[in-house]
Amino acid sequence: MREIVVISGKGGAGKTTIMAAFSHLAGEAVLCDLDVDAPDLHLLLNPKIQEENAFRSGHEAVINPEKCVMCGTCRNMCRFDAIELSLIGYSIKPFHCEGCKVCVEFCPSEAIDFPEKHCGNWYVSDTRFSPMVHAQLFPGEENSGRLVTLLKQRAREMAEIAGVDLVLCDGAPGIGCPVISSLAGTDVAIVVTEPTPSGIHDLERVADLCVGFRTKVAVLINKWDINPPLAESIESYCREKGFSLVGRLAHDPGVVNAMIQRQVLTEYDPSGLGSVLHGAWEKVLGLLEDDKATS
């Protein structure tokens, strides 16, 4: 089984737009949206949810008012100012609680429970292209890397059951925990970048991360024509590092029009930007075939 992830060094580079088009071109595949903090692939693929599951991770203290004797030990010992006193008694401020369990251990009346925390939900859905696994963390929740790993495992299980050889993932921006989890076990990372100073800097950071995971790097330059000299600098960087440059997309208002109609670019403009993306996708598949030949 092969796995491709589309990532970028920062948000807003066009990663999800390109991923959506590749979902159209991939044919038989299992799709996976790994940007669990701010997912938006569903906006273009309009998934029909078939399965919904709670994601639980970590723990959070909860005071049982029936057992609480109002001694104040918990409040005195909490270093995160997570316990407050009101007219109805002591309670936990959820966004302050770090789950350290000090209050639970030292409460003399054992009035504080420590249940597993409900951090968000994850889904298995059908789309007009392929089945998709996706999720949404609640605002401010952590453990996104663990949720990303769960989604990748579920996508692989679905692919094995269906006899599908490809898992195609939309990764998170940046180089943080969810991106690190996204790259684990990935064959090819398609890095979407822009010809700007920050775009080059972010490309270098995320490419170094891919190299650390021994993941093949394929670079796609979005809006290359807004700064051709910097686009050439990116191409030179790719040649120097041995990365594959799979395509260059021009700045085109048709992208916005496609988004308004909730279509992917290969549906909306198959002979223009769609044709460029088709060529890029063929090059990515070529990288996978090269990988098969050498493995």
C-alpha atoms as a PDB file:
ATOM      1  CA  MET A   1       0.000   0.000   0.000  1.00  0.00           C
ATOM      2  CA  ARG A   2       1.195   3.499  -0.890  1.00  0.00           C
ATOM      3  CA  GLU A   3       0.524   6.719   0.967  1.00  0.00           C
ATOM      4  CA  ILE A   4       0.736  10.292  -0.311  1.00  0.00           C
ATOM      5  CA  VAL A   5       0.344  13.389   1.830  1.00  0.00           C
ATOM      6  CA  VAL A   6      -0.127  16.948   0.581  1.00  0.00           C
ATOM      7  CA  ILE A   7       1.448  19.498   2.932  1.00  0.00           C
ATOM      8  CA  SER A   8       2.726  23.056   3.019  1.00  0.00           C
ATOM      9  CA  GLY A   9       5.011  25.029   5.273  1.00  0.00           C
ATOM     10  CA  LYS A  10       2.241  27.494   6.086  1.00  0.00           C
ATOM     11  CA  GLY A  11      -1.492  27.931   5.776  1.00  0.00           C
ATOM     12  CA  GLY A  12      -3.077  29.501   2.705  1.00  0.00           C
ATOM     13  CA  ALA A  13      -0.629  28.115   0.149  1.00  0.00           C
ATOM     14  CA  GLY A  14      -3.370  26.231  -1.720  1.00  0.00           C
ATOM     15  CA  LYS A  15      -2.712  22.801  -0.250  1.00  0.00           C
ATOM     16  CA  THR A  16      -6.318  21.703   0.212  1.00  0.00           C
ATOM     17  CA  THR A  17      -7.393  23.060  -3.184  1.00  0.00           C
ATOM     18  CA  ILE A  18      -4.709  20.948  -4.856  1.00  0.00           C
ATOM     19  CA  MET A  19      -5.435  17.939  -2.648  1.00  0.00           C
ATOM     20  CA  ALA A  20      -9.106  18.095  -3.678  1.00  0.00           C
ATOM     21  CA  ALA A  21      -8.144  18.005  -7.361  1.00  0.00           C
ATOM     22  CA  PHE A  22      -5.839  15.050  -6.757  1.00  0.00           C
ATOM     23  CA  SER A  23      -8.730  13.286  -5.001  1.00  0.00           C
ATOM     24  CA  HIS A  24     -10.607  13.573  -8.304  1.00  0.00           C
ATOM     25  CA  LEU A  25      -7.666  12.252 -10.316  1.00  0.00           C
ATOM     26  CA  ALA A  26      -6.689   9.425  -7.970  1.00  0.00           C
ATOM     27  CA  GLY A  27      -9.497   7.078  -8.943  1.00  0.00           C
ATOM     28  CA  GLU A  28      -9.632   4.239  -6.432  1.00  0.00           C
ATOM     29  CA  ALA A  29      -8.200   5.535  -3.170  1.00  0.00           C
ATOM     30  CA  VAL A  30      -9.069   6.265   0.434  1.00  0.00           C
ATOM     31  CA  LEU A  31      -8.983   9.967   1.284  1.00  0.00           C
ATOM     32  CA  CYS A  32      -7.919  11.316   4.639  1.00  0.00           C
ATOM     33  CA  ASP A  33      -8.100  14.898   5.958  1.00  0.00           C
ATOM     34  CA  LEU A  34      -5.387  15.150   8.605  1.00  0.00           C
ATOM     35  CA  ASP A  35      -5.783  18.865   9.300  1.00  0.00           C
ATOM     36  CA  VAL A  36      -7.812  18.039  12.402  1.00  0.00           C
ATOM     37  CA  ASP A  37      -7.551  21.505  13.976  1.00  0.00           C
ATOM     38  CA  ALA A  38      -9.056  23.354  10.998  1.00  0.00           C
ATOM     39  CA  PRO A  39     -10.300  20.879   8.370  1.00  0.00           C
ATOM     40  CA  ASP A  40     -11.794  22.238   5.158  1.00  0.00           C
ATOM     41  CA  LEU A  41     -11.500  19.462   2.575  1.00  0.00           C
ATOM     42  CA  HIS A  42     -15.156  18.633   3.304  1.00  0.00           C
ATOM     43  CA  LEU A  43     -16.167  22.019   1.879  1.00  0.00           C
ATOM     44  CA  LEU A  44     -15.212  20.824  -1.601  1.00  0.00           C
ATOM     45  CA  LEU A  45     -15.971  17.106  -1.352  1.00  0.00           C
ATOM     46  CA  ASN A  46     -19.320  17.408   0.479  1.00  0.00           C
ATOM     47  CA  PRO A  47     -18.960  14.148   2.424  1.00  0.00           C
ATOM     48  CA  LYS A  48     -21.968  12.116   3.537  1.00  0.00           C
ATOM     49  CA  ILE A  49     -21.170  10.885   7.037  1.00  0.00           C
ATOM     50  CA  GLN A  50     -21.555   7.131   7.461  1.00  0.00           C
ATOM     51  CA  GLU A  51     -19.878   6.711  10.840  1.00  0.00           C
ATOM     52  CA  GLU A  52     -19.265   9.137  13.719  1.00  0.00           C
ATOM     53  CA  ASN A  53     -16.938   8.473  16.649  1.00  0.00           C
ATOM     54  CA  ALA A  54     -15.883  10.441  19.715  1.00  0.00           C
ATOM     55  CA  PHE A  55     -12.177  11.164  20.084  1.00  0.00           C
ATOM     56  CA  ARG A  56     -11.081  10.962  23.701  1.00  0.00           C
ATOM     57  CA  SER A  57      -7.607  11.778  24.889  1.00  0.00           C
ATOM     58  CA  GLY A  58      -6.143  12.891  28.194  1.00  0.00           C
ATOM     59  CA  HIS A  59      -8.164  13.537  31.338  1.00  0.00           C
ATOM     60  CA  GLU A  60      -9.864  16.466  33.000  1.00  0.00           C
ATOM     61  CA  ALA A  61     -10.793  16.964  36.662  1.00  0.00           C
ATOM     62  CA  VAL A  62     -14.484  17.282  37.590  1.00  0.00           C
ATOM     63  CA  ILE A  63     -15.674  18.150  41.108  1.00  0.00           C
ATOM     64  CA  ASN A  64     -18.593  16.160  42.480  1.00  0.00           C
ATOM     65  CA  PRO A  65     -20.606  18.712  44.515  1.00  0.00           C
ATOM     66  CA  GLU A  66     -22.325  15.986  46.534  1.00  0.00           C
ATOM     67  CA  LYS A  67     -19.004  14.824  47.970  1.00  0.00           C
ATOM     68  CA  CYS A  68     -17.217  18.182  48.205  1.00  0.00           C
ATOM     69  CA  VAL A  69     -16.815  19.442  51.813  1.00  0.00           C
ATOM     70  CA  MET A  70     -15.649  22.906  50.708  1.00  0.00           C
ATOM     71  CA  CYS A  71     -12.238  22.566  52.367  1.00  0.00           C
ATOM     72  CA  GLY A  72     -10.427  24.446  49.584  1.00  0.00           C
ATOM     73  CA  THR A  73      -7.487  22.016  49.406  1.00  0.00           C
ATOM     74  CA  CYS A  74      -7.839  21.610  45.656  1.00  0.00           C
ATOM     75  CA  ARG A  75      -7.854  25.340  45.006  1.00  0.00           C
ATOM     76  CA  ASN A  76      -4.822  25.920  47.214  1.00  0.00           C
ATOM     77  CA  MET A  77      -2.804  23.190  45.505  1.00  0.00           C
ATOM     78  CA  CYS A  78      -3.703  23.929  41.873  1.00  0.00           C
ATOM     79  CA  ARG A  79      -0.810  25.711  40.153  1.00  0.00           C
ATOM     80  CA  PHE A  80      -2.851  26.538  37.054  1.00  0.00           C
ATOM     81  CA  ASP A  81      -5.619  28.583  38.686  1.00  0.00           C
ATOM     82  CA  ALA A  82      -8.108  26.059  37.318  1.00  0.00           C
ATOM     83  CA  ILE A  83     -10.393  25.899  40.361  1.00  0.00           C
ATOM     84  CA  GLU A  84     -12.807  28.665  41.196  1.00  0.00           C
ATOM     85  CA  LEU A  85     -15.247  29.292  44.032  1.00  0.00           C
ATOM     86  CA  SER A  86     -18.742  30.587  43.332  1.00  0.00           C
ATOM     87  CA  LEU A  87     -22.038  30.713  45.172  1.00  0.00           C
ATOM     88  CA  ILE A  88     -22.701  27.089  44.243  1.00  0.00           C
ATOM     89  CA  GLY A  89     -19.302  25.828  45.393  1.00  0.00           C
ATOM     90  CA  TYR A  90     -15.998  24.839  43.808  1.00  0.00           C
ATOM     91  CA  SER A  91     -15.777  24.037  40.099  1.00  0.00           C
ATOM     92  CA  ILE A  92     -13.127  23.421  37.447  1.00  0.00           C
ATOM     93  CA  LYS A  93     -12.353  25.914  34.679  1.00  0.00           C
ATOM     94  CA  PRO A  94     -11.928  23.523  31.713  1.00  0.00           C
ATOM     95  CA  PHE A  95      -9.590  25.704  29.656  1.00  0.00           C
ATOM     96  CA  HIS A  96      -7.254  26.127  32.640  1.00  0.00           C
ATOM     97  CA  CYS A  97      -7.082  22.498  33.771  1.00  0.00           C
ATOM     98  CA  GLU A  98      -3.857  20.789  32.648  1.00  0.00           C
ATOM     99  CA  GLY A  99      -4.909  17.317  33.798  1.00  0.00           C
ATOM    100  CA  CYS A 100      -2.049  17.043  36.316  1.00  0.00           C
ATOM    101  CA  LYS A 101      -4.282  15.150  38.806  1.00  0.00           C
ATOM    102  CA  VAL A 102      -2.908  16.910  41.900  1.00  0.00           C
ATOM    103  CA  CYS A 103      -6.394  17.931  43.055  1.00  0.00           C
ATOM    104  CA  VAL A 104      -7.649  14.360  42.546  1.00  0.00           C
ATOM    105  CA  GLU A 105      -4.881  12.826  44.625  1.00  0.00           C
ATOM    106  CA  PHE A 106      -5.006  15.287  47.516  1.00  0.00           C
ATOM    107  CA  CYS A 107      -8.755  15.823  47.902  1.00  0.00           C
ATOM    108  CA  PRO A 108      -9.486  14.525  51.449  1.00  0.00           C
ATOM    109  CA  SER A 109     -13.077  13.599  50.592  1.00  0.00           C
ATOM    110  CA  GLU A 110     -12.287  12.008  47.194  1.00  0.00           C
ATOM    111  CA  ALA A 111     -14.759  14.410  45.614  1.00  0.00           C
ATOM    112  CA  ILE A 112     -12.923  14.948  42.314  1.00  0.00           C
ATOM    113  CA  ASP A 113     -13.426  12.590  39.380  1.00  0.00           C
ATOM    114  CA  PHE A 114     -10.897  12.275  36.546  1.00  0.00           C
ATOM    115  CA  PRO A 115     -12.739  11.077  33.421  1.00  0.00           C
ATOM    116  CA  GLU A 116     -11.222  10.771  29.964  1.00  0.00           C
ATOM    117  CA  LYS A 117     -11.651  13.974  28.006  1.00  0.00           C
ATOM    118  CA  HIS A 118     -13.865  14.257  24.922  1.00  0.00           C
ATOM    119  CA  CYS A 119     -11.658  16.324  22.580  1.00  0.00           C
ATOM    120  CA  GLY A 120     -13.540  16.095  19.302  1.00  0.00           C
ATOM    121  CA  ASN A 121     -15.102  13.718  16.783  1.00  0.00           C
ATOM    122  CA  TRP A 122     -13.875  11.725  13.819  1.00  0.00           C
ATOM    123  CA  TYR A 123     -15.847  10.434  10.874  1.00  0.00           C
ATOM    124  CA  VAL A 124     -15.945   7.953   8.020  1.00  0.00           C
ATOM    125  CA  SER A 125     -17.788   9.415   5.038  1.00  0.00           C
ATOM    126  CA  ASP A 126     -18.570   8.881   1.391  1.00  0.00           C
ATOM    127  CA  THR A 127     -17.673  11.544  -1.176  1.00  0.00           C
ATOM    128  CA  ARG A 128     -18.364  11.799  -4.891  1.00  0.00           C
ATOM    129  CA  PHE A 129     -14.802  10.586  -5.515  1.00  0.00           C
ATOM    130  CA  SER A 130     -13.753   8.139  -2.790  1.00  0.00           C
ATOM    131  CA  PRO A 131     -14.439   7.300   0.854  1.00  0.00           C
ATOM    132  CA  MET A 132     -12.902   9.760   3.310  1.00  0.00           C
ATOM    133  CA  VAL A 133     -11.758   9.695   6.924  1.00  0.00           C
ATOM    134  CA  HIS A 134     -11.787  13.082   8.647  1.00  0.00           C
ATOM    135  CA  ALA A 135     -12.107  14.738  12.053  1.00  0.00           C
ATOM    136  CA  GLN A 136     -12.692  17.951  13.973  1.00  0.00           C
ATOM    137  CA  LEU A 137     -11.097  18.786  17.307  1.00  0.00           C
ATOM    138  CA  PHE A 138     -13.029  21.056  19.627  1.00  0.00           C
ATOM    139  CA  PRO A 139     -11.582  24.596  19.962  1.00  0.00           C
ATOM    140  CA  GLY A 140      -8.458  24.734  22.087  1.00  0.00           C
ATOM    141  CA  GLU A 141      -8.004  20.967  22.356  1.00  0.00           C
ATOM    142  CA  GLU A 142      -4.639  19.261  22.057  1.00  0.00           C
ATOM    143  CA  ASN A 143      -3.392  15.773  21.131  1.00  0.00           C
ATOM    144  CA  SER A 144      -3.875  16.450  17.412  1.00  0.00           C
ATOM    145  CA  GLY A 145      -0.934  14.164  16.619  1.00  0.00           C
ATOM    146  CA  ARG A 146      -2.636  11.226  18.273  1.00  0.00           C
ATOM    147  CA  LEU A 147      -5.836  11.902  16.340  1.00  0.00           C
ATOM    148  CA  VAL A 148      -3.882  12.115  13.076  1.00  0.00           C
ATOM    149  CA  THR A 149      -2.354   8.695  13.784  1.00  0.00           C
ATOM    150  CA  LEU A 150      -5.806   7.264  14.481  1.00  0.00           C
ATOM    151  CA  LEU A 151      -7.161   8.610  11.169  1.00  0.00           C
ATOM    152  CA  LYS A 152      -4.232   7.218   9.191  1.00  0.00           C
ATOM    153  CA  GLN A 153      -4.687   3.790  10.770  1.00  0.00           C
ATOM    154  CA  ARG A 154      -8.398   3.788   9.981  1.00  0.00           C
ATOM    155  CA  ALA A 155      -7.761   4.887   6.388  1.00  0.00           C
ATOM    156  CA  ARG A 156      -5.242   2.088   5.908  1.00  0.00           C
ATOM    157  CA  GLU A 157      -7.671  -0.459   7.344  1.00  0.00           C
ATOM    158  CA  MET A 158     -10.356   0.728   4.940  1.00  0.00           C
ATOM    159  CA  ALA A 159      -7.958   0.522   2.011  1.00  0.00           C
ATOM    160  CA  GLU A 160      -6.960  -3.029   2.914  1.00  0.00           C
ATOM    161  CA  ILE A 161     -10.571  -4.151   3.260  1.00  0.00           C
ATOM    162  CA  ALA A 162     -11.501  -2.569  -0.085  1.00  0.00           C
ATOM    163  CA  GLY A 163      -8.378  -3.853  -1.838  1.00  0.00           C
ATOM    164  CA  VAL A 164      -7.267  -0.290  -2.628  1.00  0.00           C
ATOM    165  CA  ASP A 165      -3.554   0.424  -2.997  1.00  0.00           C
ATOM    166  CA  LEU A 166      -3.526   4.171  -2.263  1.00  0.00           C
ATOM    167  CA  VAL A 167      -4.216   6.409   0.737  1.00  0.00           C
ATOM    168  CA  LEU A 168      -4.240  10.115  -0.161  1.00  0.00           C
ATOM    169  CA  CYS A 169      -3.969  12.554   2.738  1.00  0.00           C
ATOM    170  CA  ASP A 170      -4.444  16.280   3.200  1.00  0.00           C
ATOM    171  CA  GLY A 171      -1.935  17.254   5.876  1.00  0.00           C
ATOM    172  CA  ALA A 172      -1.860  20.195   8.252  1.00  0.00           C
ATOM    173  CA  PRO A 173       0.237  23.318   7.534  1.00  0.00           C
ATOM    174  CA  GLY A 174       3.529  23.993   9.281  1.00  0.00           C
ATOM    175  CA  ILE A 175       5.953  21.507  10.848  1.00  0.00           C
ATOM    176  CA  GLY A 176       4.244  20.834  14.174  1.00  0.00           C
ATOM    177  CA  CYS A 177       2.944  17.676  15.814  1.00  0.00           C
ATOM    178  CA  PRO A 178       0.103  16.891  13.354  1.00  0.00           C
ATOM    179  CA  VAL A 179       2.487  17.221  10.378  1.00  0.00           C
ATOM    180  CA  ILE A 180       5.041  14.965  12.043  1.00  0.00           C
ATOM    181  CA  SER A 181       2.323  12.358  12.598  1.00  0.00           C
ATOM    182  CA  SER A 182       1.137  12.845   9.001  1.00  0.00           C
ATOM    183  CA  LEU A 183       4.563  11.986   7.603  1.00  0.00           C
ATOM    184  CA  ALA A 184       4.997   8.737   9.536  1.00  0.00           C
ATOM    185  CA  GLY A 185       4.862   5.886   7.024  1.00  0.00           C
ATOM    186  CA  THR A 186       4.297   8.197   4.035  1.00  0.00           C
ATOM    187  CA  ASP A 187       5.897   7.397   0.682  1.00  0.00           C
ATOM    188  CA  VAL A 188       5.643  10.801  -1.025  1.00  0.00           C
ATOM    189  CA  ALA A 189       5.005  14.264   0.395  1.00  0.00           C
ATOM    190  CA  ILE A 190       3.695  16.825  -2.084  1.00  0.00           C
ATOM    191  CA  VAL A 191       4.840  20.190  -0.729  1.00  0.00           C
ATOM    192  CA  VAL A 192       2.823  23.156  -1.989  1.00  0.00           C
ATOM    193  CA  THR A 193       4.717  26.437  -1.879  1.00  0.00           C
ATOM    194  CA  GLU A 194       4.566  30.015  -3.189  1.00  0.00           C
ATOM    195  CA  PRO A 195       7.258  32.231  -4.756  1.00  0.00           C
ATOM    196  CA  THR A 196       7.643  34.530  -1.761  1.00  0.00           C
ATOM    197  CA  PRO A 197      10.459  34.829   0.805  1.00  0.00           C
ATOM    198  CA  SER A 198       8.291  33.231   3.474  1.00  0.00           C
ATOM    199  CA  GLY A 199       7.207  30.547   1.013  1.00  0.00           C
ATOM    200  CA  ILE A 200      10.818  29.549   0.318  1.00  0.00           C
ATOM    201  CA  HIS A 201      11.662  29.594   4.026  1.00  0.00           C
ATOM    202  CA  ASP A 202       8.681  27.400   4.914  1.00  0.00           C
ATOM    203  CA  LEU A 203       9.448  25.032   2.031  1.00  0.00           C
ATOM    204  CA  GLU A 204      12.967  24.524   3.366  1.00  0.00           C
ATOM    205  CA  ARG A 205      11.677  23.781   6.864  1.00  0.00           C
ATOM    206  CA  VAL A 206       9.059  21.246   5.828  1.00  0.00           C
ATOM    207  CA  ALA A 207      11.378  19.626   3.259  1.00  0.00           C
ATOM    208  CA  ASP A 208      13.995  19.091   5.971  1.00  0.00           C
ATOM    209  CA  LEU A 209      11.307  17.397   8.049  1.00  0.00           C
ATOM    210  CA  CYS A 210      10.440  15.095   5.134  1.00  0.00           C
ATOM    211  CA  VAL A 211      14.095  14.187   4.662  1.00  0.00           C
ATOM    212  CA  GLY A 212      14.244  13.258   8.339  1.00  0.00           C
ATOM    213  CA  PHE A 213      11.404  10.809   7.738  1.00  0.00           C
ATOM    214  CA  ARG A 214      13.030   9.502   4.523  1.00  0.00           C
ATOM    215  CA  THR A 215       9.951  10.604   2.612  1.00  0.00           C
ATOM    216  CA  LYS A 216      10.261  11.550  -1.044  1.00  0.00           C
ATOM    217  CA  VAL A 217       9.638  15.247  -1.639  1.00  0.00           C
ATOM    218  CA  ALA A 218       7.620  16.477  -4.614  1.00  0.00           C
ATOM    219  CA  VAL A 219       7.290  20.253  -4.909  1.00  0.00           C
ATOM    220  CA  LEU A 220       4.420  22.118  -6.565  1.00  0.00           C
ATOM    221  CA  ILE A 221       4.727  25.898  -6.957  1.00  0.00           C
ATOM    222  CA  ASN A 222       1.400  27.685  -6.674  1.00  0.00           C
ATOM    223  CA  LYS A 223       0.934  31.159  -8.242  1.00  0.00           C
ATOM    224  CA  TRP A 224       4.408  30.946  -9.724  1.00  0.00           C
ATOM    225  CA  ASP A 225       3.798  33.922 -12.020  1.00  0.00           C
ATOM    226  CA  ILE A 226       3.384  36.471  -9.211  1.00  0.00           C
ATOM    227  CA  ASN A 227       7.184  36.401  -8.815  1.00  0.00           C
ATOM    228  CA  PRO A 228       8.987  34.452 -11.578  1.00  0.00           C
ATOM    229  CA  PRO A 229      12.524  35.114 -10.201  1.00  0.00           C
ATOM    230  CA  LEU A 230      11.630  33.579  -6.851  1.00  0.00           C
ATOM    231  CA  ALA A 231       9.885  30.716  -8.640  1.00  0.00           C
ATOM    232  CA  GLU A 232      13.181  30.087 -10.425  1.00  0.00           C
ATOM    233  CA  SER A 233      14.951  30.158  -7.056  1.00  0.00           C
ATOM    234  CA  ILE A 234      12.609  27.428  -5.816  1.00  0.00           C
ATOM    235  CA  GLU A 235      13.346  25.361  -8.905  1.00  0.00           C
ATOM    236  CA  SER A 236      17.085  25.788  -8.333  1.00  0.00           C
ATOM    237  CA  TYR A 237      16.636  24.725  -4.719  1.00  0.00           C
ATOM    238  CA  CYS A 238      14.790  21.590  -5.850  1.00  0.00           C
ATOM    239  CA  ARG A 239      17.553  20.697  -8.299  1.00  0.00           C
ATOM    240  CA  GLU A 240      20.198  21.244  -5.632  1.00  0.00           C
ATOM    241  CA  LYS A 241      18.395  19.033  -3.095  1.00  0.00           C
ATOM    242  CA  GLY A 242      17.268  16.388  -5.572  1.00  0.00           C
ATOM    243  CA  PHE A 243      13.566  17.088  -5.023  1.00  0.00           C
ATOM    244  CA  SER A 244      11.092  16.523  -7.850  1.00  0.00           C
ATOM    245  CA  LEU A 245       9.366  19.643  -9.185  1.00  0.00           C
ATOM    246  CA  VAL A 246       6.040  18.211 -10.339  1.00  0.00           C
ATOM    247  CA  GLY A 247       4.280  21.364 -11.480  1.00  0.00           C
ATOM    248  CA  ARG A 248       3.749  25.125 -11.529  1.00  0.00           C
ATOM    249  CA  LEU A 249       0.287  26.651 -11.198  1.00  0.00           C
ATOM    250  CA  ALA A 250      -0.381  30.185 -12.432  1.00  0.00           C
ATOM    251  CA  HIS A 251      -2.384  32.715 -10.461  1.00  0.00           C
ATOM    252  CA  ASP A 252      -5.899  32.352 -11.879  1.00  0.00           C
ATOM    253  CA  PRO A 253      -9.259  33.834 -10.765  1.00  0.00           C
ATOM    254  CA  GLY A 254     -10.833  30.594 -11.903  1.00  0.00           C
ATOM    255  CA  VAL A 255      -9.715  29.076  -8.603  1.00  0.00           C
ATOM    256  CA  VAL A 256     -12.072  31.357  -6.689  1.00  0.00           C
ATOM    257  CA  ASN A 257     -14.915  30.617  -9.099  1.00  0.00           C
ATOM    258  CA  ALA A 258     -14.377  26.882  -8.642  1.00  0.00           C
ATOM    259  CA  MET A 259     -14.465  27.278  -4.849  1.00  0.00           C
ATOM    260  CA  ILE A 260     -17.722  29.245  -5.059  1.00  0.00           C
ATOM    261  CA  GLN A 261     -19.304  26.395  -6.995  1.00  0.00           C
ATOM    262  CA  ARG A 262     -17.751  23.839  -4.616  1.00  0.00           C
ATOM    263  CA  GLN A 263     -15.961  22.119  -7.463  1.00  0.00           C
ATOM    264  CA  VAL A 264     -12.372  20.954  -7.611  1.00  0.00           C
ATOM    265  CA  LEU A 265     -10.140  22.505 -10.259  1.00  0.00           C
ATOM    266  CA  THR A 266     -10.042  19.399 -12.433  1.00  0.00           C
ATOM    267  CA  GLU A 267     -13.853  19.492 -12.603  1.00  0.00           C
ATOM    268  CA  TYR A 268     -14.190  23.228 -13.145  1.00  0.00           C
ATOM    269  CA  ASP A 269     -11.329  23.803 -15.584  1.00  0.00           C
ATOM    270  CA  PRO A 270     -10.138  20.444 -16.951  1.00  0.00           C
ATOM    271  CA  SER A 271      -8.267  21.914 -19.920  1.00  0.00           C
ATOM    272  CA  GLY A 272      -6.557  24.769 -18.054  1.00  0.00           C
ATOM    273  CA  LEU A 273      -5.406  24.463 -14.446  1.00  0.00           C
ATOM    274  CA  GLY A 274      -6.890  20.990 -14.390  1.00  0.00           C
ATOM    275  CA  SER A 275      -4.522  19.919 -17.159  1.00  0.00           C
ATOM    276  CA  VAL A 276      -1.512  21.222 -15.221  1.00  0.00           C
ATOM    277  CA  LEU A 277      -2.643  19.345 -12.130  1.00  0.00           C
ATOM    278  CA  HIS A 278      -3.177  16.194 -14.170  1.00  0.00           C
ATOM    279  CA  GLY A 279       0.423  16.396 -15.346  1.00  0.00           C
ATOM    280  CA  ALA A 280       1.613  16.961 -11.793  1.00  0.00           C
ATOM    281  CA  TRP A 281      -0.361  13.955 -10.570  1.00  0.00           C
ATOM    282  CA  GLU A 282       1.170  11.737 -13.252  1.00  0.00           C
ATOM    283  CA  LYS A 283       4.635  12.784 -12.068  1.00  0.00           C
ATOM    284  CA  VAL A 284       3.729  11.942  -8.474  1.00  0.00           C
ATOM    285  CA  LEU A 285       2.529   8.507  -9.557  1.00  0.00           C
ATOM    286  CA  GLY A 286       5.845   8.117 -11.377  1.00  0.00           C
ATOM    287  CA  LEU A 287       7.659   8.708  -8.082  1.00  0.00           C
ATOM    288  CA  LEU A 288       5.601   5.941  -6.492  1.00  0.00           C
ATOM    289  CA  GLU A 289       6.456   3.570  -9.339  1.00  0.00           C
ATOM    290  CA  ASP A 290      10.148   4.408  -8.976  1.00  0.00           C
ATOM    291  CA  ASP A 291       9.836   3.638  -5.275  1.00  0.00           C
ATOM    292  CA  LYS A 292       8.251   0.261  -6.055  1.00  0.00           C
ATOM    293  CA  ALA A 293      11.020  -0.588  -8.492  1.00  0.00           C
ATOM    294  CA  THR A 294      13.756   0.075  -5.935  1.00  0.00           C
ATOM    295  CA  SER A 295      12.028  -1.584  -2.965  1.00  0.00           C
END
